[in-house]
């Protein structure tokens, strides 16, 4: 496809360990769960109650992911300190 030259900027990634990203995602799942709670009856009648439980599962899995990312950040910091 021709000769192309790609220039790569010398920029560090903003969120290397992913903790902030997982925190925001977990918070969004919690907010969605709380926002859907007043519509429990409507969701049940329309057969979409699974929306509520999906939000709760997303929040729970986000908590596990958050703990994983925090441990990973700690291990990476310890490895960097040893070098």
N, C-alpha and C. Protein backbone atom coordinates (compact mmCIF):
# COMPACT_ATOMS: atom_id res chain seq x y z
N UNK A 1 0.82 -1.19 0.00
CA UNK A 1 0.00 0.00 0.00
C UNK A 1 0.86 1.25 0.00
N UNK A 2 2.01 1.16 -0.49
CA UNK A 2 2.86 2.35 -0.54
C UNK A 2 3.77 2.44 0.66
N UNK A 3 4.66 3.39 0.60
CA UNK A 3 5.57 3.62 1.72
C UNK A 3 4.95 4.66 2.65
N UNK A 4 4.80 4.26 3.87
CA UNK A 4 4.23 5.17 4.87
C UNK A 4 5.19 5.26 6.05
N UNK A 5 5.31 6.43 6.57
CA UNK A 5 6.13 6.65 7.75
C UNK A 5 5.21 6.99 8.91
N UNK A 6 5.35 6.23 9.98
CA UNK A 6 4.53 6.46 11.16
C UNK A 6 5.38 7.12 12.24
N UNK A 7 4.86 8.15 12.82
CA UNK A 7 5.55 8.85 13.90
C UNK A 7 4.88 8.47 15.21
N UNK A 8 5.68 8.03 16.16
CA UNK A 8 5.16 7.63 17.46
C UNK A 8 5.60 8.67 18.48
N UNK A 9 4.64 9.24 19.17
CA UNK A 9 4.95 10.27 20.17
C UNK A 9 5.53 9.62 21.42
N UNK A 10 6.46 10.31 22.06
CA UNK A 10 7.07 9.84 23.30
C UNK A 10 6.20 10.28 24.47
N UNK A 11 5.07 9.63 24.63
CA UNK A 11 4.13 9.98 25.69
C UNK A 11 3.84 8.73 26.52
N UNK A 12 3.92 8.87 27.83
CA UNK A 12 3.60 7.77 28.72
C UNK A 12 2.09 7.59 28.81
N UNK A 13 1.61 6.36 28.99
CA UNK A 13 0.17 6.15 29.17
C UNK A 13 -0.32 6.84 30.44
N UNK A 14 -1.56 7.27 30.43
CA UNK A 14 -2.09 7.99 31.58
C UNK A 14 -2.36 7.07 32.76
N UNK A 15 -2.97 5.91 32.52
CA UNK A 15 -3.35 5.02 33.61
C UNK A 15 -2.70 3.67 33.39
N UNK A 16 -1.51 3.51 33.92
CA UNK A 16 -0.74 2.30 33.66
C UNK A 16 -1.32 1.10 34.39
N UNK A 17 -1.76 1.27 35.64
CA UNK A 17 -2.20 0.13 36.43
C UNK A 17 -3.69 -0.18 36.31
N UNK A 18 -4.49 0.71 35.79
CA UNK A 18 -5.91 0.44 35.56
C UNK A 18 -6.81 0.61 36.76
N UNK A 19 -6.27 1.04 37.90
CA UNK A 19 -7.08 1.16 39.11
C UNK A 19 -8.18 2.20 38.92
N UNK A 20 -7.84 3.36 38.41
CA UNK A 20 -8.84 4.41 38.24
C UNK A 20 -9.93 3.99 37.26
N UNK A 21 -9.54 3.31 36.20
CA UNK A 21 -10.50 2.86 35.21
C UNK A 21 -11.49 1.87 35.82
N UNK A 22 -11.00 0.93 36.61
CA UNK A 22 -11.88 -0.05 37.24
C UNK A 22 -12.75 0.63 38.30
N UNK A 23 -12.20 1.61 39.02
CA UNK A 23 -13.01 2.34 40.00
C UNK A 23 -14.18 3.04 39.35
N UNK A 24 -13.93 3.70 38.24
CA UNK A 24 -15.00 4.42 37.54
C UNK A 24 -16.03 3.43 37.00
N UNK A 25 -15.59 2.36 36.40
CA UNK A 25 -16.52 1.36 35.88
C UNK A 25 -17.38 0.74 36.96
N UNK A 26 -16.78 0.43 38.11
CA UNK A 26 -17.52 -0.13 39.23
C UNK A 26 -18.54 0.86 39.75
N UNK A 27 -18.16 2.12 39.84
CA UNK A 27 -19.09 3.15 40.30
C UNK A 27 -20.26 3.32 39.32
N UNK A 28 -19.99 3.21 38.05
CA UNK A 28 -21.08 3.33 37.05
C UNK A 28 -22.07 2.18 37.21
N UNK A 29 -21.59 0.96 37.43
CA UNK A 29 -22.50 -0.17 37.65
C UNK A 29 -23.34 0.04 38.90
N UNK A 30 -22.73 0.58 39.97
CA UNK A 30 -23.49 0.83 41.20
C UNK A 30 -24.55 1.90 40.98
N UNK A 31 -24.20 2.97 40.30
CA UNK A 31 -25.17 4.04 40.02
C UNK A 31 -26.31 3.50 39.16
N UNK A 32 -26.00 2.67 38.18
CA UNK A 32 -27.04 2.09 37.34
C UNK A 32 -27.97 1.19 38.16
N UNK A 33 -27.41 0.41 39.08
CA UNK A 33 -28.23 -0.44 39.96
C UNK A 33 -29.16 0.40 40.80
N UNK A 34 -28.63 1.45 41.42
CA UNK A 34 -29.45 2.32 42.27
C UNK A 34 -30.51 3.05 41.45
N UNK A 35 -30.16 3.44 40.24
CA UNK A 35 -31.11 4.15 39.38
C UNK A 35 -32.25 3.24 38.95
N UNK A 36 -31.99 1.95 38.81
CA UNK A 36 -33.03 1.01 38.38
C UNK A 36 -33.90 0.49 39.52
N UNK A 37 -33.46 0.65 40.76
CA UNK A 37 -34.23 0.14 41.89
C UNK A 37 -35.67 0.68 41.95
N UNK A 38 -35.91 1.97 41.72
CA UNK A 38 -37.30 2.44 41.78
C UNK A 38 -38.20 1.83 40.71
N UNK A 39 -37.63 1.25 39.68
CA UNK A 39 -38.40 0.67 38.58
C UNK A 39 -38.48 -0.84 38.68
N UNK A 40 -38.31 -1.37 39.89
CA UNK A 40 -38.30 -2.82 40.09
C UNK A 40 -39.58 -3.46 39.55
N UNK A 41 -40.73 -2.92 39.90
CA UNK A 41 -42.00 -3.47 39.46
C UNK A 41 -42.17 -3.42 37.96
N UNK A 42 -41.81 -2.31 37.38
CA UNK A 42 -41.92 -2.15 35.92
C UNK A 42 -40.99 -3.13 35.20
N UNK A 43 -39.79 -3.27 35.72
CA UNK A 43 -38.85 -4.21 35.11
C UNK A 43 -39.34 -5.64 35.23
N UNK A 44 -39.95 -5.97 36.35
CA UNK A 44 -40.46 -7.32 36.56
C UNK A 44 -41.63 -7.61 35.61
N UNK A 45 -42.52 -6.64 35.45
CA UNK A 45 -43.67 -6.82 34.56
C UNK A 45 -43.26 -6.97 33.10
N UNK A 46 -42.24 -6.25 32.71
CA UNK A 46 -41.82 -6.28 31.30
C UNK A 46 -40.81 -7.40 31.00
N UNK A 47 -40.44 -8.17 32.01
CA UNK A 47 -39.49 -9.27 31.79
C UNK A 47 -38.06 -8.81 31.67
N UNK A 48 -37.77 -7.63 32.19
CA UNK A 48 -36.40 -7.09 32.10
C UNK A 48 -35.75 -6.93 33.48
N UNK A 49 -36.16 -7.76 34.41
CA UNK A 49 -35.58 -7.70 35.75
C UNK A 49 -34.09 -8.05 35.73
N UNK A 50 -33.69 -8.77 34.69
CA UNK A 50 -32.28 -9.13 34.58
C UNK A 50 -31.40 -7.90 34.46
N UNK A 51 -31.92 -6.77 34.02
CA UNK A 51 -31.13 -5.54 33.95
C UNK A 51 -30.60 -5.18 35.33
N UNK A 52 -31.48 -5.28 36.32
CA UNK A 52 -31.11 -4.94 37.69
C UNK A 52 -29.99 -5.86 38.19
N UNK A 53 -30.16 -7.16 37.95
CA UNK A 53 -29.18 -8.12 38.45
C UNK A 53 -27.88 -8.05 37.66
N UNK A 54 -27.95 -7.63 36.42
CA UNK A 54 -26.73 -7.43 35.64
C UNK A 54 -25.90 -6.29 36.24
N UNK A 55 -26.58 -5.22 36.63
CA UNK A 55 -25.88 -4.10 37.27
C UNK A 55 -25.24 -4.52 38.58
N UNK A 56 -25.96 -5.32 39.35
CA UNK A 56 -25.41 -5.79 40.62
C UNK A 56 -24.21 -6.71 40.39
N UNK A 57 -24.30 -7.57 39.39
CA UNK A 57 -23.18 -8.45 39.07
C UNK A 57 -21.98 -7.65 38.57
N UNK A 58 -22.24 -6.62 37.76
CA UNK A 58 -21.16 -5.76 37.28
C UNK A 58 -20.46 -5.06 38.43
N UNK A 59 -21.23 -4.62 39.40
CA UNK A 59 -20.64 -3.98 40.58
C UNK A 59 -19.79 -4.98 41.38
N UNK A 60 -20.34 -6.17 41.60
CA UNK A 60 -19.60 -7.19 42.36
C UNK A 60 -18.32 -7.60 41.67
N UNK A 61 -18.38 -7.83 40.37
CA UNK A 61 -17.18 -8.21 39.63
C UNK A 61 -16.19 -7.05 39.58
N UNK A 62 -16.71 -5.83 39.56
CA UNK A 62 -15.84 -4.66 39.60
C UNK A 62 -15.05 -4.58 40.89
N UNK A 63 -15.68 -4.98 42.01
CA UNK A 63 -14.96 -4.99 43.28
C UNK A 63 -13.81 -6.00 43.25
N UNK A 64 -14.06 -7.17 42.66
CA UNK A 64 -12.98 -8.15 42.52
C UNK A 64 -11.87 -7.60 41.62
N UNK A 65 -12.26 -6.98 40.52
CA UNK A 65 -11.28 -6.40 39.60
C UNK A 65 -10.48 -5.29 40.25
N UNK A 66 -11.14 -4.51 41.08
CA UNK A 66 -10.45 -3.43 41.78
C UNK A 66 -9.39 -3.97 42.72
N UNK A 67 -9.73 -5.00 43.46
CA UNK A 67 -8.75 -5.61 44.36
C UNK A 67 -7.59 -6.20 43.57
N UNK A 68 -7.88 -6.83 42.44
CA UNK A 68 -6.84 -7.39 41.59
C UNK A 68 -5.89 -6.29 41.10
N UNK A 69 -6.45 -5.19 40.62
CA UNK A 69 -5.62 -4.10 40.09
C UNK A 69 -4.80 -3.44 41.19
N UNK A 70 -5.37 -3.32 42.36
CA UNK A 70 -4.60 -2.73 43.48
C UNK A 70 -3.43 -3.62 43.87
N UNK A 71 -3.67 -4.92 43.93
CA UNK A 71 -2.57 -5.84 44.25
C UNK A 71 -1.50 -5.80 43.17
N UNK A 72 -1.95 -5.74 41.92
CA UNK A 72 -1.01 -5.67 40.80
C UNK A 72 -0.17 -4.41 40.88
N UNK A 73 -0.80 -3.28 41.20
CA UNK A 73 -0.07 -2.01 41.33
C UNK A 73 0.96 -2.11 42.46
N UNK A 74 0.58 -2.75 43.57
CA UNK A 74 1.49 -2.89 44.70
C UNK A 74 2.71 -3.74 44.32
N UNK A 75 2.46 -4.85 43.64
CA UNK A 75 3.56 -5.73 43.23
C UNK A 75 4.47 -5.01 42.25
N UNK A 76 3.90 -4.28 41.31
CA UNK A 76 4.73 -3.54 40.34
C UNK A 76 5.56 -2.47 41.03
N UNK A 77 5.01 -1.81 42.04
CA UNK A 77 5.76 -0.79 42.77
C UNK A 77 6.91 -1.44 43.55
N UNK A 78 6.67 -2.61 44.13
CA UNK A 78 7.72 -3.31 44.86
C UNK A 78 8.83 -3.78 43.91
N UNK A 79 8.44 -4.24 42.74
CA UNK A 79 9.45 -4.67 41.75
C UNK A 79 10.27 -3.48 41.27
N UNK A 80 9.63 -2.33 41.09
CA UNK A 80 10.36 -1.14 40.64
C UNK A 80 11.29 -0.65 41.74
N UNK A 81 10.89 -0.80 42.99
CA UNK A 81 11.73 -0.38 44.11
C UNK A 81 12.96 -1.27 44.25
N UNK A 82 12.82 -2.55 43.92
CA UNK A 82 13.95 -3.47 44.00
C UNK A 82 14.98 -3.23 42.92
N UNK A 83 14.53 -2.71 41.78
CA UNK A 83 15.46 -2.45 40.68
C UNK A 83 16.12 -1.18 40.93
